[in-house]
Protein backbone atom coordinates (compact mmCIF):
# COMPACT_ATOMS: atom_id res chain seq x y z
CA MET A 1 237.53 208.91 64.72
CA LEU A 2 235.89 212.00 63.25
CA GLU A 3 233.40 212.06 66.10
CA LYS A 4 236.19 212.03 68.70
CA CYS A 5 237.99 214.86 66.92
CA LEU A 6 234.80 216.93 66.85
CA LYS A 7 234.24 216.36 70.56
CA SER A 8 237.83 217.38 71.32
CA LEU A 9 237.46 220.53 69.22
CA LEU A 10 234.20 221.42 70.99
CA VAL A 11 235.81 221.00 74.41
CA LEU A 12 238.81 223.08 73.33
CA ALA A 13 236.58 225.81 71.88
CA PHE A 14 234.50 225.90 75.04
CA SER A 15 237.63 226.08 77.21
CA LEU A 16 238.98 229.01 75.23
CA PHE A 17 235.60 230.72 75.30
CA LEU A 18 235.30 230.25 79.05
CA THR A 19 238.87 231.43 79.68
CA VAL A 20 238.49 234.57 77.58
CA SER A 21 235.10 235.46 79.04
CA SER A 22 236.30 234.80 82.58
CA THR A 23 239.40 236.89 81.98
CA SER A 24 237.18 239.74 80.86
CA VAL A 25 235.13 239.48 84.05
CA PHE A 26 238.18 239.68 86.29
CA ALA A 27 239.74 242.41 84.15
CA GLN A 28 236.54 244.38 84.50
CA HIS A 29 236.70 243.81 88.25
CA LYS A 30 240.26 245.16 88.47
CA GLU A 31 239.21 248.22 86.51
CA GLU A 32 236.31 248.89 88.87
CA VAL A 33 238.32 248.57 92.08
CA LYS A 34 240.79 251.27 91.03
CA THR A 35 240.27 254.37 93.09
CA GLU A 36 240.24 257.68 91.31
CA GLU A 37 241.58 259.78 94.16
CA GLN A 38 244.87 261.50 93.36
CA GLY A 39 247.91 260.47 95.35
CA LYS A 40 246.44 257.06 96.22
CA GLU A 41 247.64 253.92 94.47
CA PRO A 42 245.08 251.66 92.83
CA LYS A 43 243.90 248.81 94.99
CA GLU A 44 245.24 245.47 93.94
CA GLY A 45 244.05 242.04 94.91
CA LEU A 46 241.09 239.93 94.05
CA ASN A 47 237.93 240.67 95.99
CA MET A 48 236.10 237.36 95.61
CA LYS A 49 232.97 238.64 97.30
CA GLU A 50 232.62 241.42 94.77
CA VAL A 51 233.45 239.15 91.84
CA ILE A 52 230.96 236.43 92.85
CA PHE A 53 228.10 238.76 93.67
CA GLY A 54 228.84 240.82 90.58
CA HIS A 55 228.41 237.65 88.55
CA ILE A 56 225.25 236.22 90.11
CA MET A 57 223.44 239.44 91.02
CA ASP A 58 221.48 241.69 88.70
CA GLY A 59 223.20 244.55 86.87
CA HIS A 60 222.79 247.37 84.39
CA GLU A 61 224.99 245.91 81.65
CA PHE A 62 226.18 242.71 80.02
CA HIS A 63 229.88 241.78 79.80
CA PHE A 64 231.14 239.84 76.78
CA PHE A 65 234.86 239.27 76.04
CA GLY A 66 235.95 242.40 77.86
CA TYR A 67 233.26 244.56 76.26
CA SER A 68 230.28 246.00 78.08
CA LEU A 69 226.79 246.26 76.63
CA PRO A 70 225.06 249.06 78.56
CA LEU A 71 221.33 248.91 79.20
CA PRO A 72 218.79 251.71 79.53
CA VAL A 73 218.35 253.32 82.94
CA LEU A 74 214.82 254.58 83.59
CA LEU A 75 214.33 256.61 86.78
CA TYR A 76 211.45 258.59 88.18
CA SER A 77 211.63 261.02 91.05
CA PRO A 78 208.67 263.10 92.27
CA GLU A 79 211.13 265.93 92.91
CA ARG A 80 213.17 265.69 89.68
CA GLY A 81 210.77 264.04 87.26
CA PHE A 82 211.58 261.32 84.74
CA SER A 83 215.18 260.60 83.66
CA SER A 84 216.50 258.17 81.07
CA PHE A 85 220.06 257.46 79.97
CA MET A 86 222.40 254.57 79.28
CA SER A 87 224.08 252.83 82.20
CA SER A 88 227.52 253.53 80.73
CA ASN A 89 227.13 257.16 81.87
CA LEU A 90 227.29 256.01 85.49
CA LYS A 91 230.88 254.72 85.03
CA HIS A 92 230.31 251.71 87.32
CA GLY A 93 229.68 254.07 90.24
CA HIS A 94 232.92 256.04 89.89
CA GLU A 95 231.09 259.15 88.67
CA GLU A 96 227.65 260.62 89.15
CA TYR A 97 225.51 261.52 86.17
CA ASN A 98 222.57 263.87 86.02
CA GLY A 99 222.40 263.90 89.82
CA TYR A 100 222.37 260.11 90.19
CA LEU A 101 225.01 257.66 91.40
CA LEU A 102 225.32 253.88 91.04
CA LEU A 103 226.33 252.45 94.39
CA ASN A 104 229.21 250.03 94.77
CA GLU A 105 231.18 248.76 97.77
CA HIS A 106 233.61 251.67 97.56
CA ASN A 107 231.30 254.68 97.30
CA ILE A 108 229.00 253.20 99.94
CA LYS A 109 231.91 253.49 102.37
CA GLU A 110 232.95 256.90 101.04
CA LEU A 111 229.46 258.31 101.51
CA GLY A 112 229.15 256.72 104.95
CA LEU A 113 225.97 254.84 104.05
CA ASP A 114 224.47 251.94 105.94
CA ALA A 115 225.50 248.83 104.00
CA LYS A 116 222.34 246.99 105.15
CA LYS A 117 220.05 249.68 103.75
CA PHE A 118 222.05 250.67 100.67
CA THR A 119 223.32 247.77 98.57
CA ALA A 120 225.67 247.71 95.59
CA GLY A 121 223.88 248.14 92.27
CA LYS A 122 221.27 250.54 93.62
CA ILE A 123 220.93 253.98 92.03
CA VAL A 124 220.48 256.90 94.42
CA ALA A 125 220.11 260.66 94.07
CA VAL A 126 223.12 262.77 95.08
CA LYS A 127 223.72 266.47 95.54
CA ASP A 128 227.06 268.18 96.05
CA GLY A 129 228.79 264.81 96.37
CA LYS A 130 226.47 263.61 99.15
CA LEU A 131 223.34 261.49 99.32
CA ASP A 132 220.22 263.55 98.64
CA GLU A 133 217.88 262.05 101.22
CA ALA A 134 215.06 264.44 100.27
CA THR A 135 214.85 262.93 96.77
CA LYS A 136 213.07 259.63 96.38
CA VAL A 137 214.02 257.51 93.36
CA TYR A 138 211.88 254.87 91.65
CA ASP A 139 213.99 252.61 89.43
CA PHE A 140 212.27 251.13 86.35
CA SER A 141 215.51 250.31 84.55
CA LEU A 142 215.85 247.45 82.07
CA THR A 143 218.42 245.43 83.97
CA ARG A 144 220.08 242.35 82.51
CA ASN A 145 217.68 240.05 84.37
CA VAL A 146 214.69 241.87 82.90
CA VAL A 147 216.14 241.96 79.38
CA GLN A 148 217.12 238.29 79.44
CA MET A 149 213.75 237.26 80.86
CA LEU A 150 211.97 239.16 78.07
CA LEU A 151 214.22 237.48 75.49
CA ALA A 152 213.38 234.08 76.99
CA LEU A 153 209.67 234.92 76.83
CA ILE A 154 209.94 236.01 73.19
CA ILE A 155 211.80 232.83 72.26
CA LEU A 156 209.25 230.67 74.12
CA VAL A 157 206.30 232.32 72.35
CA TRP A 158 208.07 232.12 68.98
CA ILE A 159 208.87 228.41 69.37
CA MET A 160 205.37 227.45 70.51
CA THR A 161 203.49 229.55 67.95
CA SER A 162 205.62 228.30 65.07
CA ILE A 163 205.08 224.68 66.15
CA ALA A 164 201.34 225.27 66.64
CA LYS A 165 201.07 226.64 63.09
CA LYS A 166 202.71 223.49 61.74
CA TYR A 167 200.23 221.29 63.61
CA LYS A 168 197.33 223.36 62.28
CA SER A 169 198.62 222.87 58.76
CA GLY A 170 198.62 219.09 59.31
CA GLN A 171 202.36 218.58 59.72
CA GLY A 172 202.93 216.27 62.69
CA VAL A 173 199.28 215.11 62.58
CA THR A 174 198.95 213.40 59.20
CA SER A 175 202.72 213.11 58.78
CA ALA A 176 205.77 212.72 60.97
CA PRO A 177 206.91 215.81 62.90
CA LYS A 178 209.88 217.68 61.49
CA GLY A 179 212.48 220.11 62.76
CA MET A 180 211.60 221.79 66.01
CA GLN A 181 208.45 219.67 66.29
CA SER A 182 210.46 216.48 66.71
CA LEU A 183 212.45 218.13 69.51
CA ILE A 184 209.59 219.68 71.47
CA GLU A 185 206.90 217.01 71.05
CA PRO A 186 208.66 214.34 73.17
CA VAL A 187 209.19 216.90 75.94
CA VAL A 188 205.53 217.91 75.88
CA ALA A 189 204.47 214.26 75.92
CA PHE A 190 206.85 213.60 78.82
CA VAL A 191 205.42 216.44 80.92
CA ARG A 192 201.89 215.29 80.12
CA ASP A 193 202.46 211.57 80.82
CA GLU A 194 204.95 211.76 83.70
CA VAL A 195 203.89 214.96 85.47
CA ALA A 196 200.32 215.99 84.66
CA ASN A 197 198.46 212.69 84.30
CA PRO A 198 199.83 210.92 87.42
CA ASN A 199 199.25 213.91 89.71
CA LEU A 200 196.13 215.54 88.26
CA GLY A 201 194.22 212.63 86.77
CA TYR A 202 191.23 213.59 84.63
CA LYS A 203 192.01 217.31 85.12
CA ALA A 204 195.48 216.97 83.63
CA ASN A 205 194.61 218.67 80.33
CA LYS A 206 193.08 221.59 82.21
CA TYR A 207 196.37 222.40 83.95
CA LEU A 208 198.70 221.23 81.18
CA PRO A 209 199.06 224.72 79.60
CA TYR A 210 200.25 226.14 82.93
CA LEU A 211 202.62 223.25 83.64
CA LEU A 212 204.14 223.42 80.16
CA THR A 213 204.55 227.18 80.44
CA ILE A 214 206.49 227.09 83.72
CA PHE A 215 208.56 224.10 82.56
CA PHE A 216 209.75 225.68 79.32
CA PHE A 217 210.07 229.17 80.82
CA ILE A 218 212.31 227.92 83.62
CA LEU A 219 214.25 225.66 81.25
CA ILE A 220 214.99 228.43 78.73
CA ASN A 221 216.10 230.83 81.47
CA ASN A 222 218.27 228.11 83.02
CA ILE A 223 219.99 227.44 79.70
CA PHE A 224 220.47 231.14 78.99
CA GLY A 225 222.08 231.51 82.41
CA LEU A 226 224.81 229.05 81.41
CA ILE A 227 226.09 231.35 78.66
CA PRO A 228 229.19 233.21 79.95
CA GLY A 229 228.38 236.89 80.37
CA SER A 230 224.63 236.36 80.59
CA ALA A 231 222.34 236.93 83.57
CA ASN A 232 221.43 234.27 86.12
CA VAL A 233 217.68 234.92 86.05
CA THR A 234 216.57 231.75 87.85
CA GLY A 235 219.19 232.49 90.50
CA ASN A 236 217.28 235.65 91.41
CA ILE A 237 215.04 235.20 94.45
CA ALA A 238 212.49 237.67 93.03
CA PHE A 239 212.04 235.49 89.93
CA THR A 240 211.52 232.27 91.87
CA LEU A 241 209.32 234.11 94.38
CA VAL A 242 206.88 235.15 91.65
CA LEU A 243 206.76 231.61 90.26
CA GLY A 244 206.14 230.20 93.75
CA VAL A 245 203.39 232.73 94.48
CA ILE A 246 201.67 231.93 91.18
CA SER A 247 201.79 228.21 92.00
CA PHE A 248 200.34 228.98 95.44
CA ILE A 249 197.50 231.02 93.89
CA VAL A 250 196.72 228.27 91.37
CA THR A 251 196.68 225.71 94.19
CA ILE A 252 194.31 227.75 96.36
CA ALA A 253 192.05 228.59 93.40
CA SER A 254 191.82 224.87 92.54
CA SER A 255 191.08 223.71 96.09
CA ASN A 256 187.82 222.10 97.17
CA LYS A 257 186.08 221.36 100.47
CA HIS A 258 187.99 218.10 100.91
CA TYR A 259 191.29 220.03 100.79
CA TRP A 260 190.23 222.51 103.46
CA GLY A 261 188.58 219.75 105.48
CA HIS A 262 191.87 217.85 105.73
CA ILE A 263 193.60 221.03 106.91
CA PHE A 264 191.15 222.31 109.53
CA ASN A 265 189.46 219.04 110.48
CA PRO A 266 191.73 216.07 109.69
CA PRO A 267 189.58 212.93 109.53
CA GLY A 268 190.35 210.00 111.79
CA VAL A 269 192.53 212.07 114.15
CA PRO A 270 191.81 212.30 117.92
CA LEU A 271 190.59 215.70 119.10
CA GLY A 272 193.65 216.34 121.25
CA VAL A 273 196.00 215.73 118.33
CA LYS A 274 194.02 218.07 116.09
CA PHE A 275 195.09 221.06 118.18
CA ILE A 276 198.66 220.27 117.16
CA LEU A 277 198.05 218.95 113.65
CA VAL A 278 195.80 221.75 112.38
CA PRO A 279 198.40 224.56 112.85
CA VAL A 280 201.06 222.33 111.27
CA GLU A 281 198.84 221.60 108.25
CA PHE A 282 197.95 225.27 107.92
CA LEU A 283 201.61 226.33 107.97
CA SER A 284 202.54 223.60 105.49
CA MET A 285 200.12 225.19 103.03
CA PHE A 286 202.56 228.16 102.85
CA LEU A 287 205.79 226.25 103.43
CA LYS A 288 205.32 223.98 100.42
CA PRO A 289 205.38 226.77 97.81
CA PHE A 290 208.15 228.43 99.84
CA SER A 291 210.25 225.30 99.38
CA LEU A 292 209.71 225.61 95.62
CA ILE A 293 211.07 229.16 95.73
CA ILE A 294 214.17 228.30 97.75
CA ARG A 295 214.96 225.03 95.94
CA LEU A 296 215.15 226.57 92.45
CA PHE A 297 216.96 229.68 93.68
CA ALA A 298 219.57 227.81 95.76
CA ASN A 299 220.38 225.20 93.12
CA MET A 300 220.90 227.70 90.31
CA VAL A 301 222.96 230.08 92.46
CA ALA A 302 225.16 227.30 93.87
CA GLY A 303 226.24 226.05 90.44
CA HIS A 304 227.21 229.51 89.23
CA ILE A 305 229.19 230.20 92.41
CA ILE A 306 231.11 226.93 92.04
CA ILE A 307 231.99 227.70 88.41
CA ILE A 308 233.19 231.25 89.11
CA CYS A 309 235.23 230.03 92.11
CA LEU A 310 236.93 227.33 90.05
CA VAL A 311 237.84 229.84 87.36
CA ALA A 312 239.03 232.26 90.05
CA LEU A 313 241.62 229.73 91.22
CA ILE A 314 243.68 230.57 88.13
CA PHE A 315 243.83 234.24 89.08
CA ILE A 316 244.31 233.56 92.78
CA PHE A 317 247.32 231.31 92.11
CA GLY A 318 248.66 233.83 89.63
CA GLU A 319 248.28 236.67 92.10
CA LYS A 320 249.65 234.92 95.17
CA MET A 321 252.33 232.68 93.63
CA GLY A 322 253.15 234.27 90.29
CA PRO A 323 252.10 233.87 86.65
CA VAL A 324 253.71 230.43 86.32
CA ALA A 325 251.53 229.06 89.13
CA GLY A 326 248.48 230.63 87.53
CA TRP A 327 249.18 228.98 84.18
CA GLY A 328 250.01 225.72 85.96
CA ALA A 329 246.68 225.71 87.80
CA SER A 330 244.65 226.56 84.70
CA PRO A 331 244.39 223.02 83.19
CA LEU A 332 243.06 221.48 86.41
CA SER A 333 240.81 224.46 87.06
CA LEU A 334 239.36 224.38 83.55
CA ALA A 335 238.88 220.60 83.72
CA PHE A 336 236.79 220.88 86.88
CA THR A 337 234.96 223.90 85.46
CA ILE A 338 233.96 222.03 82.30
CA PHE A 339 232.81 219.07 84.40
CA ILE A 340 230.65 221.28 86.63
CA TYR A 341 229.37 223.12 83.58
CA PHE A 342 227.99 219.93 82.05
CA ILE A 343 226.51 219.03 85.43
CA GLU A 344 224.79 222.42 85.37
CA VAL A 345 223.30 221.60 81.97
CA LEU A 346 221.73 218.53 83.57
CA VAL A 347 220.60 220.60 86.57
CA ALA A 348 218.96 223.12 84.21
CA PHE A 349 216.62 220.40 82.91
CA LEU A 350 216.27 218.72 86.29
CA GLN A 351 215.22 221.86 88.17
CA ALA A 352 212.61 222.74 85.54
CA PHE A 353 211.22 219.21 85.85
CA ILE A 354 211.26 219.27 89.68
CA PHE A 355 209.53 222.65 89.94
CA THR A 356 206.85 221.56 87.45
CA THR A 357 206.34 218.20 89.17
CA LEU A 358 206.02 219.68 92.66
CA THR A 359 203.59 222.29 91.34
CA ALA A 360 201.48 219.48 89.89
CA VAL A 361 201.67 217.66 93.24
CA LEU A 362 200.45 220.77 95.10
CA VAL A 363 197.57 221.32 92.70
CA GLY A 364 196.76 217.61 92.78
CA SER A 365 196.53 217.69 96.57
CA ALA A 366 194.10 220.62 96.31
CA ILE A 367 191.73 218.74 93.99
CA GLU A 368 192.13 215.41 95.79
CA GLY A 369 188.89 213.93 97.03
CA ASP A 370 186.94 214.92 93.93
CA HIS A 371 186.49 211.36 92.65
CA HIS A 372 183.33 211.60 90.64
CA HIS A 373 185.27 211.65 87.34
CA GLU A 374 187.92 209.02 88.07
CA GLY A 375 186.25 206.50 85.83
CA HIS A 376 186.17 209.13 83.09
CA ASN A 377 189.95 209.41 83.24
CA SER A 378 190.56 205.69 82.77
CA HIS A 379 187.91 205.60 80.03
CA ASP A 380 189.69 208.38 78.15
CA ASN A 381 193.03 206.60 78.43
CA GLU A 382 191.52 203.36 77.13
CA ASN A 383 190.18 205.22 74.09
CA GLY A 384 193.56 206.80 73.39
CA LEU A 385 192.55 210.41 74.01
CA TYR A 386 195.94 211.08 75.61
CA ASP A 387 198.06 209.39 72.94
CA ASP A 388 198.81 212.44 70.82
CA ALA A 389 201.19 215.21 71.84
CA VAL A 390 199.56 218.43 72.93
CA ILE A 391 201.04 221.83 72.07
CA VAL A 392 199.27 224.42 74.18
CA LEU A 393 199.90 228.15 74.09
């Protein structure tokens, strides 16, 4: 009975938290779309494109419960030198500061800029109310994606170093693991036994530090992205691109002559077919890591878009049909939102596992054919060298 009450309270607390945080997002949106020109009424209506992209794209501030946490803006211009200030001075693009302007959908149109070349969220140099094309701007700002990624990295290093110290002291080796050890050790053992060993064989321990790093780094960023008001780091194509490129480099660096022989001279294939198969195999060498990049990016973006759209139904009904309709739609909207949210928690773990597994498969294909240590792998397993959990930094 007590357990059911606790679960109900948790669901209620989460619903209230989600409602308040979502209300703050849409309230912030309404504040931003107001035009500051005299004699013109503020624009009303919900711009879903701006709301969705404002939620999933990078930005210069965090939004929590209607409050904004500005982040440092660091700019360098060869013509103007180095400039640093807080993003709150830019007023969401409504005002320029120190000769710089934060672009949004409204001032892009007002300045007559090409929407394909100048995107919302970009900081440009202005002069006399117009774009200063002679001034080039290099943006080194600490955006919310950068800040959240650094926080995830700090937490990852802190967790692993603290656990490693406990193992060095004997805790978890001569005695049962405690605290964070008991939570992390099964995950490490799972990645080792279900991802590294089946795909990499006797070289599993060599690549285990890399596999564990990308698994936990993606997982922590995925979980952080589920906090209302936080940044969707893994839903940024630049983030997944870097991870995919690193996996590609590791795969190429691990390759042997058998790997390249199967690409440029597939064995057992007629000569005429090789002219078709070789280009396909060569392209697949680049397409496989590309699929890693798109898969993680698309899955994490899709979930966030679904959640923000479901919450937006409350405000759409309220705007189009009145406040009563908005309140009437809120229970169903929140119910679906909570359901999708818990699905996203599962997806957060699943996508980290899939990216790590496919990376191990790519590296395993690069070292395939090197069989002179296969017996060593089975011998090690028989002697229990892979029985203990491995915490690698």
